[in-house]
Protein backbone atom coordinates (compact mmCIF):
# COMPACT_ATOMS: atom_id res chain seq x y z
CA UNK A 1 65.55 81.15 68.00
CA UNK A 2 68.07 83.23 69.95
CA UNK A 3 70.74 81.36 71.71
CA UNK A 4 72.11 82.91 74.91
CA UNK A 5 75.84 83.17 75.16
CA UNK A 6 75.89 84.17 78.83
CA UNK A 7 76.95 80.57 79.83
CA UNK A 8 80.05 80.38 77.66
CA UNK A 9 80.99 83.97 78.54
CA UNK A 10 80.63 83.27 82.24
CA UNK A 11 82.66 80.16 81.87
CA UNK A 12 85.40 82.02 80.09
CA UNK A 13 85.42 84.72 82.74
CA UNK A 14 85.82 82.12 85.58
CA UNK A 15 88.46 80.19 83.74
CA UNK A 16 90.69 83.24 83.14
CA UNK A 17 90.08 84.69 86.59
CA UNK A 18 91.05 81.38 88.19
CA UNK A 19 94.16 81.08 86.01
CA UNK A 20 95.30 84.62 87.08
CA UNK A 21 94.65 83.79 90.76
CA UNK A 22 96.68 80.63 90.55
CA UNK A 23 99.63 82.52 89.04
CA UNK A 24 99.43 85.20 91.68
CA UNK A 25 99.20 82.56 94.48
CA UNK A 26 102.24 80.79 93.00
CA UNK A 27 104.36 84.02 93.28
CA UNK A 28 106.81 83.83 96.12
CA UNK A 29 106.38 86.06 99.19
CA UNK A 30 107.88 89.37 98.52
CA UNK A 31 107.72 91.01 101.89
CA UNK A 32 110.72 89.69 103.96
CA UNK A 33 113.22 91.47 106.02
CA UNK A 34 116.56 91.03 104.19
CA UNK A 35 119.94 92.62 104.19
CA UNK A 36 122.20 93.87 101.45
CA UNK A 37 125.92 94.70 101.72
CA UNK A 38 127.81 97.18 99.48
CA UNK A 39 129.57 95.70 96.49
CA UNK A 40 133.15 95.86 98.00
CA UNK A 41 132.26 93.94 101.17
CA UNK A 42 134.75 91.29 102.01
CA UNK A 43 135.34 88.81 104.87
CA UNK A 44 136.85 90.60 107.73
CA UNK A 45 136.43 94.01 106.15
CA UNK A 46 134.29 96.96 106.74
CA UNK A 47 130.77 97.04 105.08
CA UNK A 48 127.60 99.09 104.95
CA UNK A 49 124.63 96.91 105.63
CA UNK A 50 121.20 97.87 104.58
CA UNK A 51 118.30 96.16 106.08
CA UNK A 52 114.93 96.43 104.19
CA UNK A 53 112.06 96.03 106.54
CA UNK A 54 108.49 95.83 105.16
CA UNK A 55 105.29 96.06 107.17
CA UNK A 56 103.40 92.71 106.93
CA UNK A 57 100.79 93.40 109.53
CA UNK A 58 97.38 92.11 108.56
CA UNK A 59 95.64 94.26 111.18
CA UNK A 60 96.87 97.62 110.13
CA UNK A 61 99.60 97.93 112.81
CA UNK A 62 102.85 99.91 112.38
CA UNK A 63 106.36 98.54 112.79
CA UNK A 64 107.75 100.41 115.81
CA UNK A 65 110.99 98.50 116.66
CA UNK A 66 113.69 96.42 114.88
CA UNK A 67 116.41 94.44 116.65
CA UNK A 68 119.25 92.84 114.67
CA UNK A 69 121.71 90.51 116.30
CA UNK A 70 125.38 91.21 115.31
CA UNK A 71 128.04 88.40 115.39
CA UNK A 72 129.96 90.36 118.15
CA UNK A 73 131.49 92.71 115.52
CA UNK A 74 134.53 94.75 116.47
CA UNK A 75 133.07 98.00 115.16
CA UNK A 76 129.61 99.28 114.57
CA UNK A 77 127.96 102.62 113.80
CA UNK A 78 124.47 103.44 112.73
CA UNK A 79 123.14 106.01 110.28
CA UNK A 80 120.97 108.89 111.43
CA UNK A 81 117.29 108.02 110.68
CA UNK A 82 114.69 110.69 111.29
CA UNK A 83 112.02 109.52 113.68
CA UNK A 84 113.97 106.65 115.00
CA UNK A 85 116.68 106.16 117.75
CA UNK A 86 119.31 103.56 117.46
CA UNK A 87 120.83 101.77 120.55
CA UNK A 88 123.93 99.55 120.17
CA UNK A 89 124.38 96.75 122.70
CA UNK A 90 128.11 96.74 123.34
CA UNK A 91 130.29 94.30 125.35
CA UNK A 92 132.68 96.81 126.74
CA UNK A 93 135.00 94.25 128.16
CA UNK A 94 135.33 92.42 124.86
CA UNK A 95 135.21 95.47 122.72
CA UNK A 96 132.45 94.04 120.47
CA UNK A 97 128.83 94.94 119.64
CA UNK A 98 126.27 92.24 119.99
CA UNK A 99 123.12 93.83 118.54
CA UNK A 100 121.43 97.03 117.41
CA UNK A 101 117.94 98.16 118.15
CA UNK A 102 116.07 100.84 116.23
CA UNK A 103 112.97 102.32 117.96
CA UNK A 104 110.43 104.64 116.44
CA UNK A 105 109.25 107.84 118.01
CA UNK A 106 105.55 107.89 119.04
CA UNK A 107 104.65 109.68 115.87
CA UNK A 108 106.84 107.54 113.62
CA UNK A 109 106.96 103.89 112.55
CA UNK A 110 106.51 101.96 109.35
CA UNK A 111 102.79 102.13 108.23
CA UNK A 112 101.03 99.17 106.55
CA UNK A 113 102.11 98.54 102.91
CA UNK A 114 105.34 100.54 103.29
CA UNK A 115 108.95 99.70 104.03
CA UNK A 116 111.97 101.35 105.61
CA UNK A 117 115.69 100.95 105.19
CA UNK A 118 117.97 100.69 108.20
CA UNK A 119 121.75 101.10 107.67
CA UNK A 120 124.65 100.22 109.86
CA UNK A 121 128.40 100.14 109.21
CA UNK A 122 130.14 97.19 110.68
CA UNK A 123 133.56 95.23 110.62
CA UNK A 124 132.44 91.87 109.21
CA UNK A 125 133.83 88.58 110.77
CA UNK A 126 136.29 86.71 108.57
CA UNK A 127 133.83 84.19 107.04
CA UNK A 128 132.00 83.78 103.80
CA UNK A 129 128.43 83.83 105.03
CA UNK A 130 127.06 86.00 107.95
CA UNK A 131 123.60 85.66 109.44
CA UNK A 132 121.81 88.62 111.03
CA UNK A 133 118.77 87.36 113.03
CA UNK A 134 116.19 90.10 113.35
CA UNK A 135 113.20 90.75 115.48
CA UNK A 136 110.46 92.94 114.23
CA UNK A 137 107.83 94.51 116.67
CA UNK A 138 104.45 96.04 115.74
CA UNK A 139 102.48 98.61 117.49
CA UNK A 140 99.85 96.06 118.49
CA UNK A 141 102.37 93.94 120.33
CA UNK A 142 102.98 91.39 117.52
CA UNK A 143 106.54 90.16 117.40
CA UNK A 144 108.05 88.53 114.39
CA UNK A 145 111.46 86.73 114.49
CA UNK A 146 113.30 86.45 111.29
CA UNK A 147 115.80 83.75 112.16
CA UNK A 148 114.86 80.57 110.20
CA UNK A 149 117.64 78.76 108.20
CA UNK A 150 116.93 77.50 104.68
CA UNK A 151 114.97 74.24 104.56
CA UNK A 152 116.72 70.91 103.93
CA UNK A 153 115.47 70.91 100.44
CA UNK A 154 116.84 74.42 99.77
CA UNK A 155 113.48 76.18 99.84
CA UNK A 156 112.92 79.40 101.68
CA UNK A 157 111.33 79.19 105.17
CA UNK A 158 108.41 81.37 106.25
CA UNK A 159 110.74 83.66 108.27
CA UNK A 160 114.18 83.51 106.66
CA UNK A 161 117.18 84.92 108.56
CA UNK A 162 118.71 87.93 106.78
CA UNK A 163 122.07 86.69 105.46
CA UNK A 164 125.06 88.26 103.61
CA UNK A 165 126.94 85.95 101.34
CA UNK A 166 130.41 86.90 100.26
CA UNK A 167 132.15 85.32 97.16
CA UNK A 168 135.58 84.06 97.23
CA UNK A 169 136.64 87.22 95.47
CA UNK A 170 135.59 89.30 98.40
CA UNK A 171 132.39 90.89 96.96
CA UNK A 172 128.84 90.69 98.10
CA UNK A 173 127.10 87.73 96.46
CA UNK A 174 124.31 88.36 93.92
CA UNK A 175 121.88 86.25 95.89
CA UNK A 176 119.73 89.26 96.84
CA UNK A 177 119.69 90.64 93.27
CA UNK A 178 118.63 87.13 91.97
CA UNK A 179 115.94 86.88 94.50
CA UNK A 180 114.66 90.25 93.45
CA UNK A 181 114.82 89.24 89.87
CA UNK A 182 112.70 86.15 90.49
CA UNK A 183 110.21 88.24 92.54
CA UNK A 184 109.96 90.61 89.59
CA UNK A 185 109.38 87.70 87.22
CA UNK A 186 106.62 86.34 89.30
CA UNK A 187 104.94 89.81 89.40
CA UNK A 188 105.24 90.01 85.72
CA UNK A 189 103.69 86.63 85.20
CA UNK A 190 100.78 87.43 87.54
CA UNK A 191 100.24 90.86 85.91
CA UNK A 192 100.30 89.10 82.48
CA UNK A 193 97.69 86.63 83.52
CA UNK A 194 95.35 89.49 84.66
CA UNK A 195 95.86 91.30 81.33
CA UNK A 196 95.09 88.07 79.38
CA UNK A 197 91.95 87.61 81.47
CA UNK A 198 90.75 91.14 80.70
CA UNK A 199 91.62 90.74 76.94
CA UNK A 200 89.77 87.44 76.74
CA UNK A 201 86.75 88.86 78.32
CA UNK A 202 86.79 91.87 76.06
CA UNK A 203 87.13 89.71 72.89
CA UNK A 204 84.29 87.49 74.02
CA UNK A 205 82.04 90.52 74.54
CA UNK A 206 82.93 91.93 71.14
CA UNK A 207 82.25 88.60 69.48
CA UNK A 208 78.92 88.31 71.30
CA UNK A 209 77.89 91.84 70.05
CA UNK A 210 78.85 91.02 66.47
CA UNK A 211 76.67 87.91 66.47
């Protein structure tokens, strides 16, 4: 009498697939607007800020505009970015800059599943932590505001505000690097789960053929 092994094989496939999906689902969201400062950034000093802006549209729209609020910095200048224009909102009387807006040309923008880097040189306020609330606009009219503070338990909110943290020594904190490392770890775990799933299924098929 020949015993079918399709049932155990199917169960093994479902088990490994579900495990991989759970690990992938447990990975933190990777696509957030965030800001990095150069290593020698210090409170009250000049710094080059780089905003990484991913496209999170679920409808295939492009990112066409980014506005970043500045803490009334005394000096600001943007980097030339092909396909985009930058406008600084200055308070002439106070001699400060309140925000910067990048707008894409009709044929430009950030397509789905891509990101762009926006750079601006500013004179930082004399404080250890600086927030830069951002507003991301899509070609279909969707507007996303990145302005939420960390949750009371320390977890990251859905739309965290881009923040630059400066250490007591006057250097950019390693928060962004640590966040990137944790994202990378999550990706490796998810990828490892998928590899294990494939290997388990392959071994089960080989064992079935041998018997």
